[in-house]
Protein backbone atom coordinates (compact mmCIF):
# COMPACT_ATOMS: atom_id res chain seq x y z
CA MET A 1 -5.84 -29.51 -10.77
CA LYS A 2 -9.34 -28.36 -10.03
CA HIS A 3 -11.37 -26.61 -12.81
CA ARG A 4 -14.08 -24.51 -11.55
CA PRO A 5 -17.40 -25.25 -12.41
CA LYS A 6 -19.18 -23.90 -15.35
CA VAL A 7 -20.78 -21.03 -14.43
CA ALA A 8 -24.79 -21.13 -15.51
CA ASN A 9 -25.51 -18.05 -17.67
CA LEU A 10 -25.71 -15.31 -15.49
CA PRO A 11 -28.25 -12.13 -16.08
CA ASP A 12 -27.12 -9.03 -17.53
CA VAL A 13 -29.38 -5.93 -16.21
CA ALA A 14 -27.08 -3.24 -17.33
CA SER A 15 -26.67 -4.32 -21.12
CA GLN A 16 -30.14 -6.09 -21.37
CA VAL A 17 -32.73 -4.00 -19.54
CA GLU A 18 -33.48 -0.23 -21.00
CA ALA A 19 -32.37 2.65 -19.47
CA GLN A 20 -35.70 3.33 -16.83
CA ILE A 21 -35.09 7.34 -18.06
CA ALA A 22 -33.52 7.54 -21.43
CA GLY A 23 -31.05 10.13 -21.67
CA GLN A 24 -27.22 10.17 -22.78
CA LEU A 25 -24.26 10.92 -20.41
CA ASP A 26 -21.34 12.73 -20.26
CA TRP A 27 -18.97 10.64 -18.68
CA VAL A 28 -19.16 6.83 -16.96
CA GLY A 29 -17.12 4.80 -14.72
CA MET A 30 -14.70 4.89 -11.74
CA ASN A 31 -12.62 6.64 -9.81
CA GLU A 32 -10.48 5.54 -6.74
CA ILE A 33 -9.15 2.51 -8.22
CA GLU A 34 -5.91 1.66 -6.37
CA LEU A 35 -3.77 -0.21 -8.60
CA PRO A 36 0.28 -0.45 -8.73
CA VAL A 37 2.06 1.56 -11.47
CA LEU A 38 5.33 1.73 -12.90
CA LEU A 39 7.09 4.92 -13.76
CA ASP A 40 10.59 6.01 -15.42
CA GLY A 41 12.72 7.52 -12.46
CA SER A 42 15.03 10.31 -12.48
CA ASP A 43 18.03 8.22 -12.96
CA GLY A 44 16.98 6.17 -15.96
CA ARG A 45 15.38 3.04 -14.08
CA ARG A 46 11.68 1.71 -13.52
CA MET A 47 10.14 2.57 -10.06
CA GLN A 48 6.74 1.40 -8.45
CA THR A 49 4.58 3.37 -6.94
CA THR A 50 1.15 3.13 -6.13
CA ALA A 51 -2.29 5.42 -7.96
CA ARG A 52 -5.80 6.16 -7.56
CA ILE A 53 -7.34 5.87 -11.24
CA SER A 54 -10.29 6.96 -12.48
CA ALA A 55 -11.47 5.41 -15.82
CA PHE A 56 -14.32 6.88 -17.83
CA VAL A 57 -16.35 6.40 -21.18
CA ASP A 58 -19.16 7.82 -22.56
CA LEU A 59 -22.70 6.72 -22.65
CA GLU A 60 -23.91 8.07 -26.16
CA ARG A 61 -26.86 5.32 -26.44
CA PRO A 62 -29.79 7.34 -24.53
CA GLU A 63 -31.61 4.07 -24.05
CA LYS A 64 -29.01 1.91 -22.45
CA ARG A 65 -29.14 1.56 -18.78
CA GLY A 66 -25.51 1.49 -18.53
CA ILE A 67 -21.86 0.72 -19.53
CA HIS A 68 -19.11 -2.58 -18.61
CA MET A 69 -17.55 -1.19 -15.71
CA SER A 70 -15.35 -4.46 -15.38
CA ARG A 71 -13.87 -4.47 -18.53
CA LEU A 72 -12.54 -0.92 -17.75
CA TYR A 73 -11.07 -2.54 -14.46
CA LEU A 74 -9.25 -5.48 -16.51
CA HIS A 75 -7.65 -3.27 -19.40
CA LEU A 76 -6.21 -1.23 -16.57
CA ASP A 77 -4.85 -4.32 -14.94
CA ARG A 78 -3.60 -5.86 -16.96
CA ALA A 79 -1.74 -2.32 -18.87
CA LEU A 80 -0.57 -1.54 -16.03
CA ALA A 81 1.15 -4.80 -14.21
CA GLU A 82 3.19 -4.63 -17.35
CA HIS A 83 4.15 -1.52 -19.01
CA THR A 84 5.61 2.19 -17.75
CA VAL A 85 3.36 4.26 -18.07
CA THR A 86 3.94 6.39 -21.32
CA PRO A 87 1.97 8.94 -23.84
CA ALA A 88 1.82 5.82 -26.21
CA LEU A 89 0.62 3.17 -23.35
CA LEU A 90 -2.54 5.37 -22.06
CA ARG A 91 -3.57 5.85 -25.92
CA HIS A 92 -3.80 2.03 -26.41
CA LEU A 93 -5.21 1.43 -22.85
CA LEU A 94 -8.14 4.05 -24.22
CA ARG A 95 -8.17 2.84 -27.48
CA ASP A 96 -9.43 -0.56 -25.61
CA PHE A 97 -11.72 1.10 -23.58
CA LEU A 98 -13.59 2.51 -26.69
CA ASP A 99 -13.38 -1.52 -28.58
CA SER A 100 -14.99 -2.88 -25.64
CA HIS A 101 -17.61 0.09 -25.70
CA GLU A 102 -18.03 0.21 -29.25
CA ASP A 103 -21.77 -0.24 -28.99
CA LEU A 104 -21.96 2.78 -26.28
CA SER A 105 -19.25 5.07 -26.56
CA SER A 106 -17.59 6.98 -28.06
CA ARG A 107 -15.07 9.14 -25.84
CA ALA A 108 -12.67 7.66 -23.23
CA MET A 109 -10.62 9.13 -20.10
CA ILE A 110 -8.04 8.21 -17.68
CA ARG A 111 -6.83 10.25 -14.53
CA LEU A 112 -3.79 8.97 -12.58
CA ASP A 113 -3.34 10.46 -9.16
CA PHE A 114 0.31 9.17 -7.72
CA ASP A 115 3.33 10.98 -5.86
CA TYR A 116 6.83 11.42 -7.70
CA MET A 117 9.59 11.10 -5.32
CA LEU A 118 12.93 12.55 -5.96
CA ARG A 119 16.12 12.99 -4.21
CA ARG A 120 17.07 16.40 -4.07
CA ARG A 121 20.98 17.54 -2.79
CA SER A 122 21.26 20.04 0.07
CA LEU A 123 22.01 23.83 -0.70
CA ALA A 124 25.09 23.84 0.93
CA SER A 125 25.96 21.06 3.25
CA ASP A 126 26.93 17.08 1.78
CA ASN A 127 23.61 15.89 2.06
CA SER A 128 20.54 14.52 0.41
CA GLY A 129 16.95 13.85 0.77
CA TRP A 130 13.41 12.75 -0.68
CA LYS A 131 11.15 14.87 -1.55
CA ARG A 132 7.60 14.22 -2.91
CA TYR A 133 5.72 15.36 -5.86
CA PRO A 134 1.96 15.00 -6.38
CA ILE A 135 1.47 14.12 -10.12
CA SER A 136 -1.44 13.66 -12.38
CA ILE A 137 -2.19 12.05 -15.68
CA ILE A 138 -5.23 13.05 -17.76
CA ALA A 139 -5.60 11.44 -20.98
CA GLY A 140 -9.06 11.51 -23.51
CA LEU A 141 -9.42 9.89 -26.75
CA GLU A 142 -11.92 10.89 -29.04
CA GLY A 143 -12.18 9.27 -32.14
CA ARG A 144 -8.57 9.74 -33.51
CA GLU A 145 -7.83 12.69 -31.25
CA PHE A 146 -5.59 12.07 -28.45
CA GLU A 147 -5.17 14.86 -25.72
CA LEU A 148 -2.88 14.60 -22.65
CA GLU A 149 -2.73 16.70 -19.65
CA MET A 150 -0.36 16.74 -16.36
CA ALA A 151 -0.95 18.34 -13.12
CA PHE A 152 1.56 18.66 -10.57
CA GLN A 153 2.88 20.83 -7.39
CA VAL A 154 5.77 22.13 -6.35
CA VAL A 155 5.97 23.80 -2.59
CA TYR A 156 8.34 26.78 -2.34
CA SER A 157 8.92 29.33 0.36
CA SER A 158 8.08 33.16 -0.30
CA THR A 159 9.53 36.33 1.63
CA CYS A 160 6.88 39.61 1.17
CA PRO A 161 8.48 42.03 -0.10
CA CYS A 162 6.38 44.49 1.12
CA SER A 163 7.29 43.13 4.81
CA ALA A 164 10.93 43.30 4.32
CA ALA A 165 10.90 46.65 3.38
CA LEU A 166 9.30 47.54 6.52
CA ALA A 167 11.34 45.62 8.28
CA ARG A 168 14.37 47.60 6.87
CA GLN A 169 12.98 50.70 8.12
CA LEU A 170 12.29 49.96 11.83
CA ILE A 171 16.04 48.10 11.59
CA GLN A 172 17.21 51.69 9.56
CA ASP A 173 15.16 53.24 13.04
CA GLN A 174 16.66 51.36 15.54
CA PHE A 175 20.39 52.08 14.54
CA ARG A 176 19.62 55.88 14.17
CA LYS A 177 18.28 55.00 17.96
CA ASP A 178 21.34 52.93 18.76
CA PHE A 179 23.79 55.11 17.25
CA ALA A 180 22.72 58.85 16.84
CA ASP A 181 24.85 60.30 19.51
CA SER A 182 27.75 58.23 18.65
CA GLY A 183 28.98 60.70 15.90
CA SER A 184 30.99 58.53 13.71
CA VAL A 185 30.69 54.74 14.18
CA ASP A 186 33.43 52.67 13.42
CA ALA A 187 32.69 49.23 10.82
CA GLU A 188 33.42 47.00 14.06
CA SER A 189 30.82 48.56 16.01
CA VAL A 190 28.54 47.84 13.16
CA LEU A 191 29.22 44.57 12.24
CA ALA A 192 28.76 43.68 16.11
CA TRP A 193 25.30 45.70 16.19
CA LEU A 194 24.29 44.16 12.99
CA GLY A 195 24.57 40.63 14.53
CA SER A 196 22.59 41.07 17.56
CA GLU A 197 19.08 40.60 18.52
CA GLU A 198 19.05 44.44 19.66
CA GLY A 199 19.89 45.50 16.08
CA ILE A 200 17.65 43.55 14.14
CA VAL A 201 14.71 44.37 15.61
CA ALA A 202 12.38 43.42 12.97
CA THR A 203 12.08 40.68 10.10
CA PRO A 204 9.91 40.27 7.12
CA HIS A 205 7.31 37.66 7.36
CA SER A 206 7.49 34.51 4.96
CA GLN A 207 5.91 31.08 4.43
CA ARG A 208 5.45 27.96 3.03
CA SER A 209 3.58 28.44 -0.20
CA ALA A 210 2.44 26.32 -3.25
CA ALA A 211 2.48 26.47 -7.07
CA ASP A 212 -0.18 24.26 -8.55
CA LEU A 213 0.13 23.10 -12.17
CA ARG A 214 -1.78 22.08 -15.22
CA LEU A 215 -0.01 21.53 -18.37
CA GLN A 216 -1.43 20.52 -22.20
CA LEU A 217 1.46 18.23 -23.04
CA ALA A 218 2.18 17.69 -26.98
CA PRO A 219 1.32 13.87 -27.37
CA SER A 220 3.77 13.41 -28.94
CA PHE A 221 6.89 12.71 -27.22
CA GLU A 222 7.82 9.13 -25.75
CA ALA A 223 7.56 9.70 -22.12
CA PHE A 224 6.36 12.00 -19.68
CA PRO A 225 8.69 15.03 -18.10
CA PHE A 226 8.03 14.91 -14.48
CA VAL A 227 11.64 16.10 -13.77
CA GLU A 228 12.02 18.50 -16.66
CA VAL A 229 9.09 20.53 -15.43
CA ILE A 230 9.47 20.05 -12.05
CA ASP A 231 12.96 21.44 -12.55
CA ALA A 232 12.05 24.23 -14.89
CA ILE A 233 9.38 25.78 -11.78
CA GLU A 234 11.77 25.07 -9.15
CA GLY A 235 14.44 26.65 -11.05
CA ALA A 236 11.97 29.63 -11.85
CA LEU A 237 10.54 30.02 -8.55
CA LYS A 238 14.05 29.63 -7.03
CA THR A 239 13.17 28.55 -2.74
CA PRO A 240 11.78 25.04 -3.45
CA VAL A 241 11.53 23.49 0.32
CA GLN A 242 14.56 21.67 1.48
CA ALA A 243 14.42 18.07 2.97
CA VAL A 244 17.70 17.63 4.83
CA VAL A 245 18.77 21.02 6.51
CA LYS A 246 22.10 21.46 8.17
CA ARG A 247 22.91 25.39 9.38
CA GLU A 248 24.79 26.25 6.55
CA ASP A 249 21.54 24.62 4.43
CA GLU A 250 19.67 26.64 6.40
CA GLN A 251 21.49 29.96 6.06
CA ALA A 252 21.88 29.63 2.55
CA PHE A 253 17.98 29.05 2.36
CA ALA A 254 17.46 32.46 4.24
CA LEU A 255 19.55 33.90 1.52
CA LEU A 256 18.42 32.61 -1.43
CA ASN A 257 15.02 34.12 0.47
CA GLY A 258 16.04 37.61 1.00
CA GLN A 259 17.63 37.48 -2.98
CA ASN A 260 14.06 36.52 -4.06
CA LEU A 261 11.45 38.68 -2.02
CA MET A 262 7.93 38.01 -4.26
CA PHE A 263 4.46 38.48 -3.78
CA CYS A 264 1.84 35.71 -4.90
CA GLU A 265 1.68 37.82 -8.57
CA ASP A 266 5.14 38.05 -8.53
CA ALA A 267 5.23 33.75 -8.03
CA ALA A 268 2.76 33.68 -10.63
CA ARG A 269 4.83 35.45 -13.85
CA ARG A 270 8.00 33.65 -12.99
CA VAL A 271 5.96 30.17 -13.68
CA GLN A 272 4.38 31.97 -16.78
CA THR A 273 7.57 32.50 -18.28
CA ALA A 274 9.52 29.53 -17.57
CA LEU A 275 6.37 27.44 -19.56
CA GLU A 276 5.26 29.82 -21.77
CA SER A 277 8.62 29.13 -24.37
CA HIS A 278 8.26 24.94 -23.04
CA GLU A 279 8.27 23.19 -26.03
CA ARG A 280 6.12 19.78 -24.42
CA VAL A 281 3.60 22.40 -23.29
CA ILE A 282 0.69 23.53 -25.69
CA ASP A 283 -1.46 25.38 -22.77
CA PHE A 284 -1.07 25.75 -19.42
CA TRP A 285 -2.98 26.33 -16.00
CA ALA A 286 -0.96 27.71 -13.12
CA ARG A 287 -2.05 28.93 -9.57
CA CYS A 288 0.67 29.97 -6.79
CA ARG A 289 -0.68 30.10 -3.15
CA HIS A 290 1.01 31.56 -0.84
CA PHE A 291 -0.03 30.40 3.15
CA GLU A 292 0.08 34.00 4.36
CA SER A 293 1.86 33.87 8.17
CA LEU A 294 0.10 37.33 8.90
CA HIS A 295 -3.37 36.39 7.56
CA PRO A 296 -5.92 33.91 8.29
CA HIS A 297 -6.13 33.57 4.62
CA ASN A 298 -4.22 33.06 1.60
CA ALA A 299 -2.79 35.25 -1.21
CA VAL A 300 -3.34 33.93 -4.62
CA ALA A 301 -2.91 34.17 -8.14
CA ILE A 302 -3.75 32.22 -11.52
CA VAL A 303 -2.30 32.37 -14.88
CA THR A 304 -2.49 30.71 -18.16
CA LYS A 305 -0.61 30.60 -21.33
CA GLY A 306 -3.98 33.17 -22.89
CA VAL A 307 -4.62 30.46 -25.90
CA GLU A 308 -7.89 31.59 -27.34
CA GLY A 309 -10.87 30.69 -25.68
CA GLY A 310 -9.49 29.69 -22.41
CA TYR A 311 -7.94 26.62 -21.47
CA LYS A 312 -10.33 23.91 -21.59
CA PRO A 313 -9.25 20.64 -19.60
CA ILE A 314 -9.92 16.87 -20.50
CA ASP A 315 -12.47 16.10 -17.09
CA GLY A 316 -13.40 19.60 -16.89
CA GLN A 317 -11.77 20.52 -13.06
CA PRO A 318 -8.94 23.20 -13.85
CA SER A 319 -8.76 24.59 -10.33
CA GLY A 320 -9.60 21.16 -8.67
CA TRP A 321 -6.03 19.71 -10.20
CA ARG A 322 -6.40 16.49 -7.66
CA HIS A 323 -9.55 15.60 -6.36
CA GLY A 324 -11.23 11.92 -5.83
């Protein structure tokens, strides 16, 4: 077994040389760190995925030039290789960040961006398929104050109520035109007309839509509520996009859309209602975007829980919940 030669003392410019311009820094660290992470799966088993990670501490000593970035990476690598991502693990990791910078820093932050995969059943057929949910976990530690956030996105379909009303009016007008001279109309003739392209002369516009959510979580729970909160939002919106779709599934999806006409404002209020009483959620910020098929722009509604002072994200970026 070969032994590595001893390395001579190497210069440490970051810690030995004073800053060229003195000043405290809010955050210093790295982002876009690519590491595998272990997560609790929906079936109770651990699963592995790839995360892009941001790791930061503050630099409160104005005369110090920099921090020890390699220490942050090594703490990440060791902790995430062995343990499932939980609130307790992130708190311990942030404590390690600060202990390794005890002469420089008093605050630490970590952010993990990854995709969470769930297998979802089709609406009517005996099929299932995978759906991807982008998730971000953000945690911060200052002294003993531990903060925890979770951001995620749910994609759904939205059908415009105004467009539906206008389409119904055109169908009524066409019915009057086609049957005005018929006197009484038998049911079979109406059924045949409703099943023809000539009868349904207009359809409401619908579009793929997205709910972006950022939740401030109570940090005392053992595990992250990935499936729990995703199910809550999809259950409130009622029209989540589907993976495997046979004809019977598409028909069931059309029925859901017809029974859940909504503007972006309606969608935002549904999300608000689903989150307001959730025991894990201290505060929330949510944005519903409808990627209009009628317009070249989006319709957007934003809602918060209404906590005094407004939503205060750990990393200071509520609207860009997933970023580099």
